[in-house]
């Protein structure tokens, strides 16, 4: 399963990508919304792990653009600053799961695996 990790905390994004790779995922990290959208338009990804606070745009805006153009891409929200209202909005927009940082890698991997089974 090919996953795009989008988080402006570069060290965290790289560590998360490596930990998911160890669990068999094909993972690419990017660090802002524009880069995420460009990669999604140029390559096929099965899922996106998306932070809500990005330097160039709001993660919810990124999610809305993904939903409009790539409705089959699974989206998992991973945020250190999200409120329950933010998570509710994300679920209404089609997020498959929402986690607060730091999320347990086993729960994140399980969520991604469950998504793969649903696809």
PDB file of N, CA and C in Angstrom:
ATOM      1  N   UNK A   1       0.858  -1.177   0.000  1.00  0.00           N
ATOM      2  CA  UNK A   1       0.000   0.000   0.000  1.00  0.00           C
ATOM      3  C   UNK A   1       0.897   1.231   0.000  1.00  0.00           C
ATOM      4  N   UNK A   2       0.645   2.141  -0.914  1.00  0.00           N
ATOM      5  CA  UNK A   2       1.461   3.343  -1.070  1.00  0.00           C
ATOM      6  C   UNK A   2       0.836   4.500  -0.289  1.00  0.00           C
ATOM      7  N   UNK A   3       1.626   5.069   0.630  1.00  0.00           N
ATOM      8  CA  UNK A   3       1.136   6.087   1.556  1.00  0.00           C
ATOM      9  C   UNK A   3       1.956   7.367   1.412  1.00  0.00           C
ATOM     10  N   UNK A   4       1.272   8.507   1.444  1.00  0.00           N
ATOM     11  CA  UNK A   4       1.909   9.819   1.483  1.00  0.00           C
ATOM     12  C   UNK A   4       1.740  10.372   2.888  1.00  0.00           C
ATOM     13  N   UNK A   5       2.856  10.690   3.556  1.00  0.00           N
ATOM     14  CA  UNK A   5       2.824  11.303   4.883  1.00  0.00           C
ATOM     15  C   UNK A   5       3.060  12.794   4.694  1.00  0.00           C
ATOM     16  N   UNK A   6       2.126  13.619   5.196  1.00  0.00           N
ATOM     17  CA  UNK A   6       2.195  15.071   5.037  1.00  0.00           C
ATOM     18  C   UNK A   6       2.261  15.711   6.419  1.00  0.00           C
ATOM     19  N   UNK A   7       3.441  16.240   6.755  1.00  0.00           N
ATOM     20  CA  UNK A   7       3.629  16.878   8.057  1.00  0.00           C
ATOM     21  C   UNK A   7       4.781  17.854   7.960  1.00  0.00           C
ATOM     22  N   UNK A   8       4.591  19.080   8.478  1.00  0.00           N
ATOM     23  CA  UNK A   8       5.650  20.080   8.412  1.00  0.00           C
ATOM     24  C   UNK A   8       6.777  19.805   9.408  1.00  0.00           C
ATOM     25  N   UNK A   9       6.541  18.947  10.381  1.00  0.00           N
ATOM     26  CA  UNK A   9       7.613  18.530  11.291  1.00  0.00           C
ATOM     27  C   UNK A   9       8.414  17.459  10.563  1.00  0.00           C
ATOM     28  N   UNK A  10       9.473  17.885   9.875  1.00  0.00           N
ATOM     29  CA  UNK A  10      10.190  17.000   8.973  1.00  0.00           C
ATOM     30  C   UNK A  10      10.754  15.764   9.664  1.00  0.00           C
ATOM     31  N   UNK A  11      11.300  15.939  10.838  1.00  0.00           N
ATOM     32  CA  UNK A  11      11.864  14.783  11.549  1.00  0.00           C
ATOM     33  C   UNK A  11      10.761  13.770  11.856  1.00  0.00           C
ATOM     34  N   UNK A  12       9.624  14.253  12.341  1.00  0.00           N
ATOM     35  CA  UNK A  12       8.506  13.369  12.653  1.00  0.00           C
ATOM     36  C   UNK A  12       8.010  12.659  11.400  1.00  0.00           C
ATOM     37  N   UNK A  13       7.886  13.394  10.302  1.00  0.00           N
ATOM     38  CA  UNK A  13       7.409  12.792   9.051  1.00  0.00           C
ATOM     39  C   UNK A  13       8.356  11.691   8.581  1.00  0.00           C
ATOM     40  N   UNK A  14       9.643  11.935   8.684  1.00  0.00           N
ATOM     41  CA  UNK A  14      10.625  10.924   8.249  1.00  0.00           C
ATOM     42  C   UNK A  14      10.605   9.698   9.158  1.00  0.00           C
ATOM     43  N   UNK A  15      10.517   9.932  10.468  1.00  0.00           N
ATOM     44  CA  UNK A  15      10.462   8.806  11.409  1.00  0.00           C
ATOM     45  C   UNK A  15       9.193   7.991  11.190  1.00  0.00           C
ATOM     46  N   UNK A  16       8.069   8.661  11.032  1.00  0.00           N
ATOM     47  CA  UNK A  16       6.809   7.974  10.773  1.00  0.00           C
ATOM     48  C   UNK A  16       6.898   7.158   9.485  1.00  0.00           C
ATOM     49  N   UNK A  17       7.473   7.760   8.450  1.00  0.00           N
ATOM     50  CA  UNK A  17       7.638   7.049   7.180  1.00  0.00           C
ATOM     51  C   UNK A  17       8.492   5.790   7.368  1.00  0.00           C
ATOM     52  N   UNK A  18       9.587   5.907   8.089  1.00  0.00           N
ATOM     53  CA  UNK A  18      10.463   4.749   8.315  1.00  0.00           C
ATOM     54  C   UNK A  18       9.753   3.662   9.125  1.00  0.00           C
ATOM     55  N   UNK A  19       9.010   4.069  10.134  1.00  0.00           N
ATOM     56  CA  UNK A  19       8.304   3.083  10.963  1.00  0.00           C
ATOM     57  C   UNK A  19       7.204   2.380  10.169  1.00  0.00           C
ATOM     58  N   UNK A  20       6.545   3.098   9.283  1.00  0.00           N
ATOM     59  CA  UNK A  20       5.539   2.456   8.430  1.00  0.00           C
ATOM     60  C   UNK A  20       6.195   1.550   7.394  1.00  0.00           C
ATOM     61  N   UNK A  21       7.352   1.961   6.882  1.00  0.00           N
ATOM     62  CA  UNK A  21       8.085   1.112   5.928  1.00  0.00           C
ATOM     63  C   UNK A  21       8.448  -0.219   6.565  1.00  0.00           C
ATOM     64  N   UNK A  22       8.838  -0.182   7.837  1.00  0.00           N
ATOM     65  CA  UNK A  22       9.179  -1.411   8.549  1.00  0.00           C
ATOM     66  C   UNK A  22       7.978  -2.352   8.659  1.00  0.00           C
ATOM     67  N   UNK A  23       6.790  -1.815   8.519  1.00  0.00           N
ATOM     68  CA  UNK A  23       5.566  -2.613   8.578  1.00  0.00           C
ATOM     69  C   UNK A  23       5.028  -2.953   7.189  1.00  0.00           C
ATOM     70  N   UNK A  24       5.840  -2.709   6.172  1.00  0.00           N
ATOM     71  CA  UNK A  24       5.493  -3.158   4.830  1.00  0.00           C
ATOM     72  C   UNK A  24       4.826  -2.142   3.919  1.00  0.00           C
ATOM     73  N   UNK A  25       4.699  -0.909   4.374  1.00  0.00           N
ATOM     74  CA  UNK A  25       4.099   0.125   3.538  1.00  0.00           C
ATOM     75  C   UNK A  25       5.157   0.789   2.670  1.00  0.00           C
ATOM     76  N   UNK A  26       4.745   1.277   1.512  1.00  0.00           N
ATOM     77  CA  UNK A  26       5.590   2.078   0.625  1.00  0.00           C
ATOM     78  C   UNK A  26       5.239   3.532   0.949  1.00  0.00           C
ATOM     79  N   UNK A  27       6.168   4.267   1.583  1.00  0.00           N
ATOM     80  CA  UNK A  27       5.837   5.571   2.156  1.00  0.00           C
ATOM     81  C   UNK A  27       6.727   6.678   1.606  1.00  0.00           C
ATOM     82  N   UNK A  28       6.107   7.812   1.311  1.00  0.00           N
ATOM     83  CA  UNK A  28       6.811   9.016   0.874  1.00  0.00           C
ATOM     84  C   UNK A  28       6.424  10.159   1.807  1.00  0.00           C
ATOM     85  N   UNK A  29       7.403  10.824   2.446  1.00  0.00           N
ATOM     86  CA  UNK A  29       7.073  11.999   3.260  1.00  0.00           C
ATOM     87  C   UNK A  29       7.194  13.293   2.460  1.00  0.00           C
ATOM     88  N   UNK A  30       6.283  14.229   2.717  1.00  0.00           N
ATOM     89  CA  UNK A  30       6.371  15.600   2.210  1.00  0.00           C
ATOM     90  C   UNK A  30       6.024  16.531   3.362  1.00  0.00           C
ATOM     91  N   UNK A  31       6.354  17.821   3.211  1.00  0.00           N
ATOM     92  CA  UNK A  31       6.338  18.699   4.371  1.00  0.00           C
ATOM     93  C   UNK A  31       5.413  19.912   4.264  1.00  0.00           C
ATOM     94  N   UNK A  32       4.602  19.973   3.216  1.00  0.00           N
ATOM     95  CA  UNK A  32       3.633  21.071   3.096  1.00  0.00           C
ATOM     96  C   UNK A  32       2.495  20.638   2.169  1.00  0.00           C
ATOM     97  N   UNK A  33       1.425  21.420   2.192  1.00  0.00           N
ATOM     98  CA  UNK A  33       0.238  21.082   1.426  1.00  0.00           C
ATOM     99  C   UNK A  33       0.443  21.089  -0.078  1.00  0.00           C
ATOM    100  N   UNK A  34       1.160  22.103  -0.581  1.00  0.00           N
ATOM    101  CA  UNK A  34       1.383  22.192  -2.028  1.00  0.00           C
ATOM    102  C   UNK A  34       2.167  20.991  -2.541  1.00  0.00           C
ATOM    103  N   UNK A  35       3.187  20.583  -1.806  1.00  0.00           N
ATOM    104  CA  UNK A  35       3.971  19.403  -2.206  1.00  0.00           C
ATOM    105  C   UNK A  35       3.109  18.151  -2.179  1.00  0.00           C
ATOM    106  N   UNK A  36       2.245  18.049  -1.182  1.00  0.00           N
ATOM    107  CA  UNK A  36       1.356  16.893  -1.092  1.00  0.00           C
ATOM    108  C   UNK A  36       0.441  16.822  -2.309  1.00  0.00           C
ATOM    109  N   UNK A  37      -0.185  17.947  -2.642  1.00  0.00           N
ATOM    110  CA  UNK A  37      -1.104  17.953  -3.785  1.00  0.00           C
ATOM    111  C   UNK A  37      -0.376  17.677  -5.093  1.00  0.00           C
ATOM    112  N   UNK A  38       0.829  18.217  -5.237  1.00  0.00           N
ATOM    113  CA  UNK A  38       1.611  17.955  -6.448  1.00  0.00           C
ATOM    114  C   UNK A  38       1.958  16.470  -6.566  1.00  0.00           C
ATOM    115  N   UNK A  39       2.375  15.847  -5.471  1.00  0.00           N
ATOM    116  CA  UNK A  39       2.708  14.417  -5.511  1.00  0.00           C
ATOM    117  C   UNK A  39       1.467  13.586  -5.816  1.00  0.00           C
ATOM    118  N   UNK A  40       0.348  13.959  -5.217  1.00  0.00           N
ATOM    119  CA  UNK A  40      -0.888  13.216  -5.452  1.00  0.00           C
ATOM    120  C   UNK A  40      -1.358  13.329  -6.900  1.00  0.00           C
ATOM    121  N   UNK A  41      -1.088  14.451  -7.539  1.00  0.00           N
ATOM    122  CA  UNK A  41      -1.478  14.618  -8.945  1.00  0.00           C
ATOM    123  C   UNK A  41      -0.529  13.884  -9.873  1.00  0.00           C
ATOM    124  N   UNK A  42       0.721  13.678  -9.435  1.00  0.00           N
ATOM    125  CA  UNK A  42       1.705  13.044 -10.289  1.00  0.00           C
ATOM    126  C   UNK A  42       1.863  11.552 -10.087  1.00  0.00           C
ATOM    127  N   UNK A  43       1.414  11.041  -8.950  1.00  0.00           N
ATOM    128  CA  UNK A  43       1.596   9.626  -8.623  1.00  0.00           C
ATOM    129  C   UNK A  43       0.316   9.076  -8.004  1.00  0.00           C
ATOM    130  N   UNK A  44       0.192   7.768  -8.054  1.00  0.00           N
ATOM    131  CA  UNK A  44      -0.940   7.121  -7.377  1.00  0.00           C
ATOM    132  C   UNK A  44      -0.547   6.797  -5.939  1.00  0.00           C
ATOM    133  N   UNK A  45      -1.382   7.205  -4.990  1.00  0.00           N
ATOM    134  CA  UNK A  45      -1.236   6.830  -3.593  1.00  0.00           C
ATOM    135  C   UNK A  45      -2.548   6.219  -3.134  1.00  0.00           C
ATOM    136  N   UNK A  46      -2.440   5.200  -2.288  1.00  0.00           N
ATOM    137  CA  UNK A  46      -3.632   4.574  -1.725  1.00  0.00           C
ATOM    138  C   UNK A  46      -4.156   5.336  -0.528  1.00  0.00           C
ATOM    139  N   UNK A  47      -3.241   5.989   0.187  1.00  0.00           N
ATOM    140  CA  UNK A  47      -3.638   6.686   1.396  1.00  0.00           C
ATOM    141  C   UNK A  47      -2.738   7.861   1.715  1.00  0.00           C
ATOM    142  N   UNK A  48      -3.257   8.751   2.577  1.00  0.00           N
ATOM    143  CA  UNK A  48      -2.531   9.941   3.016  1.00  0.00           C
ATOM    144  C   UNK A  48      -2.664  10.034   4.533  1.00  0.00           C
ATOM    145  N   UNK A  49      -1.526  10.199   5.200  1.00  0.00           N
ATOM    146  CA  UNK A  49      -1.525  10.541   6.621  1.00  0.00           C
ATOM    147  C   UNK A  49      -1.257  12.041   6.653  1.00  0.00           C
ATOM    148  N   UNK A  50      -2.238  12.814   7.131  1.00  0.00           N
ATOM    149  CA  UNK A  50      -2.248  14.262   6.948  1.00  0.00           C
ATOM    150  C   UNK A  50      -2.308  15.017   8.270  1.00  0.00           C
ATOM    151  N   UNK A  51      -1.360  15.926   8.465  1.00  0.00           N
ATOM    152  CA  UNK A  51      -1.388  16.845   9.593  1.00  0.00           C
ATOM    153  C   UNK A  51      -2.334  17.991   9.234  1.00  0.00           C
ATOM    154  N   UNK A  52      -2.926  18.601  10.231  1.00  0.00           N
ATOM    155  CA  UNK A  52      -3.847  19.711   9.957  1.00  0.00           C
ATOM    156  C   UNK A  52      -3.159  21.069   9.945  1.00  0.00           C
ATOM    157  N   UNK A  53      -2.026  21.196  10.584  1.00  0.00           N
ATOM    158  CA  UNK A  53      -1.307  22.478  10.592  1.00  0.00           C
ATOM    159  C   UNK A  53      -0.099  22.362   9.677  1.00  0.00           C
ATOM    160  N   UNK A  54      -0.196  23.012   8.552  1.00  0.00           N
ATOM    161  CA  UNK A  54       0.878  23.007   7.562  1.00  0.00           C
ATOM    162  C   UNK A  54       1.295  24.450   7.306  1.00  0.00           C
ATOM    163  N   UNK A  55       2.523  24.673   6.856  1.00  0.00           N
ATOM    164  CA  UNK A  55       3.007  26.048   6.728  1.00  0.00           C
ATOM    165  C   UNK A  55       2.345  26.862   5.625  1.00  0.00           C
ATOM    166  N   UNK A  56       1.859  26.207   4.587  1.00  0.00           N
ATOM    167  CA  UNK A  56       1.345  26.950   3.439  1.00  0.00           C
ATOM    168  C   UNK A  56      -0.170  26.928   3.309  1.00  0.00           C
ATOM    169  N   UNK A  57      -0.826  25.961   3.923  1.00  0.00           N
ATOM    170  CA  UNK A  57      -2.280  25.882   3.855  1.00  0.00           C
ATOM    171  C   UNK A  57      -2.791  24.992   4.979  1.00  0.00           C
ATOM    172  N   UNK A  58      -4.054  25.138   5.278  1.00  0.00           N
ATOM    173  CA  UNK A  58      -4.698  24.353   6.315  1.00  0.00           C
ATOM    174  C   UNK A  58      -4.882  22.918   5.827  1.00  0.00           C
ATOM    175  N   UNK A  59      -4.652  21.958   6.709  1.00  0.00           N
ATOM    176  CA  UNK A  59      -4.807  20.557   6.341  1.00  0.00           C
ATOM    177  C   UNK A  59      -6.214  20.214   5.871  1.00  0.00           C
ATOM    178  N   UNK A  60      -7.214  20.893   6.422  1.00  0.00           N
ATOM    179  CA  UNK A  60      -8.591  20.645   5.972  1.00  0.00           C
ATOM    180  C   UNK A  60      -8.757  21.079   4.522  1.00  0.00           C
ATOM    181  N   UNK A  61      -8.095  22.170   4.124  1.00  0.00           N
ATOM    182  CA  UNK A  61      -8.133  22.594   2.716  1.00  0.00           C
ATOM    183  C   UNK A  61      -7.475  21.536   1.827  1.00  0.00           C
ATOM    184  N   UNK A  62      -6.361  20.988   2.287  1.00  0.00           N
ATOM    185  CA  UNK A  62      -5.685  19.924   1.535  1.00  0.00           C
ATOM    186  C   UNK A  62      -6.624  18.735   1.388  1.00  0.00           C
ATOM    187  N   UNK A  63      -7.252  18.372   2.486  1.00  0.00           N
ATOM    188  CA  UNK A  63      -8.180  17.242   2.460  1.00  0.00           C
ATOM    189  C   UNK A  63      -9.333  17.476   1.482  1.00  0.00           C
ATOM    190  N   UNK A  64      -9.891  18.678   1.490  1.00  0.00           N
ATOM    191  CA  UNK A  64     -10.993  18.998   0.575  1.00  0.00           C
ATOM    192  C   UNK A  64     -10.549  18.855  -0.880  1.00  0.00           C
ATOM    193  N   UNK A  65      -9.346  19.319  -1.203  1.00  0.00           N
ATOM    194  CA  UNK A  65      -8.858  19.202  -2.579  1.00  0.00           C
ATOM    195  C   UNK A  65      -8.610  17.752  -2.962  1.00  0.00           C
ATOM    196  N   UNK A  66      -8.102  16.962  -2.012  1.00  0.00           N
ATOM    197  CA  UNK A  66      -7.910  15.533  -2.284  1.00  0.00           C
ATOM    198  C   UNK A  66      -9.269  14.888  -2.554  1.00  0.00           C
ATOM    199  N   UNK A  67     -10.242  15.157  -1.721  1.00  0.00           N
ATOM    200  CA  UNK A  67     -11.573  14.575  -1.864  1.00  0.00           C
ATOM    201  C   UNK A  67     -12.197  14.934  -3.208  1.00  0.00           C
ATOM    202  N   UNK A  68     -12.035  16.196  -3.643  1.00  0.00           N
ATOM    203  CA  UNK A  68     -12.629  16.636  -4.910  1.00  0.00           C
ATOM    204  C   UNK A  68     -12.034  15.921  -6.108  1.00  0.00           C
ATOM    205  N   UNK A  69     -10.716  15.729  -6.083  1.00  0.00           N
ATOM    206  CA  UNK A  69     -10.031  15.198  -7.269  1.00  0.00           C
ATOM    207  C   UNK A  69      -9.698  13.716  -7.180  1.00  0.00           C
ATOM    208  N   UNK A  70      -9.580  13.195  -5.973  1.00  0.00           N
ATOM    209  CA  UNK A  70      -9.190  11.797  -5.775  1.00  0.00           C
ATOM    210  C   UNK A  70     -10.036  11.184  -4.663  1.00  0.00           C
ATOM    211  N   UNK A  71     -11.313  10.990  -4.903  1.00  0.00           N
ATOM    212  CA  UNK A  71     -12.207  10.540  -3.825  1.00  0.00           C
ATOM    213  C   UNK A  71     -11.889   9.158  -3.263  1.00  0.00           C
ATOM    214  N   UNK A  72     -11.132   8.349  -3.986  1.00  0.00           N
ATOM    215  CA  UNK A  72     -10.822   6.999  -3.511  1.00  0.00           C
ATOM    216  C   UNK A  72      -9.600   6.939  -2.603  1.00  0.00           C
ATOM    217  N   UNK A  73      -8.853   8.019  -2.491  1.00  0.00           N
ATOM    218  CA  UNK A  73      -7.673   8.035  -1.629  1.00  0.00           C
ATOM    219  C   UNK A  73      -8.136   8.065  -0.172  1.00  0.00           C
ATOM    220  N   UNK A  74      -7.622   7.139   0.617  1.00  0.00           N
ATOM    221  CA  UNK A  74      -7.964   7.093   2.040  1.00  0.00           C
ATOM    222  C   UNK A  74      -7.160   8.153   2.787  1.00  0.00           C
ATOM    223  N   UNK A  75      -7.806   8.854   3.715  1.00  0.00           N
ATOM    224  CA  UNK A  75      -7.139   9.917   4.462  1.00  0.00           C
ATOM    225  C   UNK A  75      -7.229   9.632   5.955  1.00  0.00           C
ATOM    226  N   UNK A  76      -6.068   9.673   6.607  1.00  0.00           N
ATOM    227  CA  UNK A  76      -5.971   9.560   8.056  1.00  0.00           C
ATOM    228  C   UNK A  76      -5.407  10.876   8.566  1.00  0.00           C
ATOM    229  N   UNK A  77      -6.074  11.469   9.530  1.00  0.00           N
ATOM    230  CA  UNK A  77      -5.609  12.719  10.118  1.00  0.00           C
ATOM    231  C   UNK A  77      -4.730  12.392  11.325  1.00  0.00           C
ATOM    232  N   UNK A  78      -3.577  13.049  11.406  1.00  0.00           N
ATOM    233  CA  UNK A  78      -2.649  12.897  12.531  1.00  0.00           C
ATOM    234  C   UNK A  78      -2.225  14.302  12.932  1.00  0.00           C
ATOM    235  N   UNK A  79      -2.744  14.784  14.063  1.00  0.00           N
ATOM    236  CA  UNK A  79      -2.512  16.176  14.432  1.00  0.00           C
ATOM    237  C   UNK A  79      -2.191  16.329  15.912  1.00  0.00           C
ATOM    238  N   UNK A  80      -1.312  17.252  16.190  1.00  0.00           N
ATOM    239  CA  UNK A  80      -0.975  17.558  17.571  1.00  0.00           C
ATOM    240  C   UNK A  80      -1.805  18.681  18.151  1.00  0.00           C
ATOM    241  N   UNK A  81      -2.569  19.363  17.314  1.00  0.00           N
ATOM    242  CA  UNK A  81      -3.298  20.549  17.764  1.00  0.00           C
ATOM    243  C   UNK A  81      -4.790  20.508  17.459  1.00  0.00           C
ATOM    244  N   UNK A  82      -5.272  19.443  16.894  1.00  0.00           N
ATOM    245  CA  UNK A  82      -6.677  19.378  16.486  1.00  0.00           C
ATOM    246  C   UNK A  82      -7.607  19.310  17.693  1.00  0.00           C
ATOM    247  N   UNK A  83      -8.747  19.933  17.536  1.00  0.00           N
ATOM    248  CA  UNK A  83      -9.808  19.831  18.533  1.00  0.00           C
ATOM    249  C   UNK A  83     -10.771  18.728  18.094  1.00  0.00           C
ATOM    250  N   UNK A  84     -11.666  18.374  18.969  1.00  0.00           N
ATOM    251  CA  UNK A  84     -12.686  17.390  18.590  1.00  0.00           C
ATOM    252  C   UNK A  84     -13.559  17.935  17.455  1.00  0.00           C
ATOM    253  N   UNK A  85     -13.782  19.244  17.454  1.00  0.00           N
ATOM    254  CA  UNK A  85     -14.528  19.869  16.351  1.00  0.00           C
ATOM    255  C   UNK A  85     -13.779  19.689  15.024  1.00  0.00           C
ATOM    256  N   UNK A  86     -12.442  19.873  15.050  1.00  0.00           N
ATOM    257  CA  UNK A  86     -11.636  19.647  13.841  1.00  0.00           C
ATOM    258  C   UNK A  86     -11.792  18.207  13.357  1.00  0.00           C
ATOM    259  N   UNK A  87     -11.688  17.261  14.285  1.00  0.00           N
ATOM    260  CA  UNK A  87     -11.809  15.852  13.915  1.00  0.00           C
ATOM    261  C   UNK A  87     -13.208  15.542  13.374  1.00  0.00           C
ATOM    262  N   UNK A  88     -14.227  16.153  13.959  1.00  0.00           N
ATOM    263  CA  UNK A  88     -15.591  15.949  13.471  1.00  0.00           C
ATOM    264  C   UNK A  88     -15.712  16.455  12.032  1.00  0.00           C
ATOM    265  N   UNK A  89     -15.145  17.632  11.770  1.00  0.00           N
ATOM    266  CA  UNK A  89     -15.147  18.188  10.410  1.00  0.00           C
ATOM    267  C   UNK A  89     -14.435  17.242   9.451  1.00  0.00           C
ATOM    268  N   UNK A  90     -13.296  16.726   9.870  1.00  0.00           N
ATOM    269  CA  UNK A  90     -12.532  15.811   9.013  1.00  0.00           C
ATOM    270  C   UNK A  90     -13.315  14.538   8.725  1.00  0.00           C
ATOM    271  N   UNK A  91     -13.968  13.997   9.729  1.00  0.00           N
ATOM    272  CA  UNK A  91     -14.771  12.791   9.507  1.00  0.00           C
ATOM    273  C   UNK A  91     -15.933  13.085   8.555  1.00  0.00           C
ATOM    274  N   UNK A  92     -16.542  14.268   8.692  1.00  0.00           N
ATOM    275  CA  UNK A  92     -17.629  14.641   7.788  1.00  0.00           C
ATOM    276  C   UNK A  92     -17.134  14.779   6.351  1.00  0.00           C
ATOM    277  N   UNK A  93     -15.880  15.177   6.192  1.00  0.00           N
ATOM    278  CA  UNK A  93     -15.296  15.309   4.854  1.00  0.00           C
ATOM    279  C   UNK A  93     -14.770  13.974   4.321  1.00  0.00           C
ATOM    280  N   UNK A  94     -14.848  12.932   5.136  1.00  0.00           N
ATOM    281  CA  UNK A  94     -14.473  11.612   4.649  1.00  0.00           C
ATOM    282  C   UNK A  94     -13.193  11.033   5.202  1.00  0.00           C
ATOM    283  N   UNK A  95     -12.629  11.624   6.246  1.00  0.00           N
ATOM    284  CA  UNK A  95     -11.435  11.014   6.849  1.00  0.00           C
ATOM    285  C   UNK A  95     -11.806   9.648   7.397  1.00  0.00           C
ATOM    286  N   UNK A  96     -10.961   8.692   7.139  1.00  0.00           N
ATOM    287  CA  UNK A  96     -11.223   7.333   7.600  1.00  0.00           C
ATOM    288  C   UNK A  96     -10.908   7.168   9.082  1.00  0.00           C
ATOM    289  N   UNK A  97      -9.967   7.974   9.596  1.00  0.00           N
ATOM    290  CA  UNK A  97      -9.596   7.915  11.011  1.00  0.00           C
ATOM    291  C   UNK A  97      -8.899   9.214  11.382  1.00  0.00           C
ATOM    292  N   UNK A  98      -8.960   9.549  12.668  1.00  0.00           N
ATOM    293  CA  UNK A  98      -8.296  10.742  13.194  1.00  0.00           C
ATOM    294  C   UNK A  98      -7.547  10.369  14.460  1.00  0.00           C
ATOM    295  N   UNK A  99      -6.282  10.780  14.543  1.00  0.00           N
ATOM    296  CA  UNK A  99      -5.446  10.496  15.698  1.00  0.00           C
ATOM    297  C   UNK A  99      -4.787  11.774  16.194  1.00  0.00           C
ATOM    298  N   UNK A 100      -4.605  11.854  17.517  1.00  0.00           N
ATOM    299  CA  UNK A 100      -3.796  12.915  18.109  1.00  0.00           C
ATOM    300  C   UNK A 100      -2.346  12.437  18.133  1.00  0.00           C
ATOM    301  N   UNK A 101      -1.412  13.368  17.940  1.00  0.00           N
ATOM    302  CA  UNK A 101       0.005  13.055  18.104  1.00  0.00           C
ATOM    303  C   UNK A 101       0.320  12.999  19.586  1.00  0.00           C
ATOM    304  N   UNK A 102       1.169  12.154  20.019  1.00  0.00           N
ATOM    305  CA  UNK A 102       1.778  11.069  19.236  1.00  0.00           C
ATOM    306  C   UNK A 102       0.839   9.867  19.189  1.00  0.00           C
ATOM    307  N   UNK A 103       0.601   9.362  18.017  1.00  0.00           N
ATOM    308  CA  UNK A 103      -0.237   8.175  17.863  1.00  0.00           C
ATOM    309  C   UNK A 103       0.639   6.935  17.967  1.00  0.00           C
ATOM    310  N   UNK A 104       0.044   5.873  18.440  1.00  0.00           N
ATOM    311  CA  UNK A 104       0.764   4.602  18.484  1.00  0.00           C
ATOM    312  C   UNK A 104       0.887   4.080  17.061  1.00  0.00           C
ATOM    313  N   UNK A 105       2.092   3.718  16.678  1.00  0.00           N
ATOM    314  CA  UNK A 105       2.335   3.246  15.314  1.00  0.00           C
ATOM    315  C   UNK A 105       1.512   1.987  15.020  1.00  0.00           C
ATOM    316  N   UNK A 106       1.293   1.166  16.037  1.00  0.00           N
ATOM    317  CA  UNK A 106       0.498  -0.046  15.810  1.00  0.00           C
ATOM    318  C   UNK A 106      -0.948   0.303  15.446  1.00  0.00           C
ATOM    319  N   UNK A 107      -1.512   1.339  16.091  1.00  0.00           N
ATOM    320  CA  UNK A 107      -2.881   1.752  15.774  1.00  0.00           C
ATOM    321  C   UNK A 107      -2.963   2.375  14.387  1.00  0.00           C
ATOM    322  N   UNK A 108      -1.971   3.189  14.047  1.00  0.00           N
ATOM    323  CA  UNK A 108      -1.944   3.813  12.728  1.00  0.00           C
ATOM    324  C   UNK A 108      -1.794   2.750  11.640  1.00  0.00           C
ATOM    325  N   UNK A 109      -0.870   1.812  11.849  1.00  0.00           N
ATOM    326  CA  UNK A 109      -0.667   0.737  10.869  1.00  0.00           C
ATOM    327  C   UNK A 109      -1.924  -0.124  10.740  1.00  0.00           C
ATOM    328  N   UNK A 110      -2.578  -0.394  11.858  1.00  0.00           N
ATOM    329  CA  UNK A 110      -3.806  -1.187  11.814  1.00  0.00           C
ATOM    330  C   UNK A 110      -4.886  -0.448  11.029  1.00  0.00           C
ATOM    331  N   UNK A 111      -5.006   0.851  11.266  1.00  0.00           N
ATOM    332  CA  UNK A 111      -5.997   1.640  10.533  1.00  0.00           C
ATOM    333  C   UNK A 111      -5.709   1.594   9.033  1.00  0.00           C
ATOM    334  N   UNK A 112      -4.451   1.731   8.658  1.00  0.00           N
ATOM    335  CA  UNK A 112      -4.094   1.683   7.243  1.00  0.00           C
ATOM    336  C   UNK A 112      -4.346   0.299   6.651  1.00  0.00           C
ATOM    337  N   UNK A 113      -4.069  -0.734   7.409  1.00  0.00           N
ATOM    338  CA  UNK A 113      -4.317  -2.098   6.950  1.00  0.00           C
ATOM    339  C   UNK A 113      -5.805  -2.342   6.792  1.00  0.00           C
ATOM    340  N   UNK A 114      -6.593  -1.842   7.747  1.00  0.00           N
ATOM    341  CA  UNK A 114      -8.054  -1.984   7.631  1.00  0.00           C
ATOM    342  C   UNK A 114      -8.559  -1.285   6.386  1.00  0.00           C
ATOM    343  N   UNK A 115      -7.973  -0.119   6.072  1.00  0.00           N
ATOM    344  CA  UNK A 115      -8.380   0.615   4.861  1.00  0.00           C
ATOM    345  C   UNK A 115      -8.073  -0.220   3.632  1.00  0.00           C
ATOM    346  N   UNK A 116      -6.901  -0.860   3.641  1.00  0.00           N
ATOM    347  CA  UNK A 116      -6.505  -1.656   2.485  1.00  0.00           C
ATOM    348  C   UNK A 116      -7.506  -2.790   2.264  1.00  0.00           C
ATOM    349  N   UNK A 117      -7.966  -3.410   3.345  1.00  0.00           N
ATOM    350  CA  UNK A 117      -8.934  -4.497   3.230  1.00  0.00           C
ATOM    351  C   UNK A 117     -10.260  -4.002   2.673  1.00  0.00           C
ATOM    352  N   UNK A 118     -10.623  -2.735   2.973  1.00  0.00           N
ATOM    353  CA  UNK A 118     -11.893  -2.184   2.498  1.00  0.00           C
ATOM    354  C   UNK A 118     -11.841  -1.799   1.035  1.00  0.00           C
ATOM    355  N   UNK A 119     -10.652  -1.515   0.531  1.00  0.00           N
ATOM    356  CA  UNK A 119     -10.512  -1.014  -0.847  1.00  0.00           C
ATOM    357  C   UNK A 119     -10.941  -2.040  -1.873  1.00  0.00           C
TER     358      UNK A 119
END
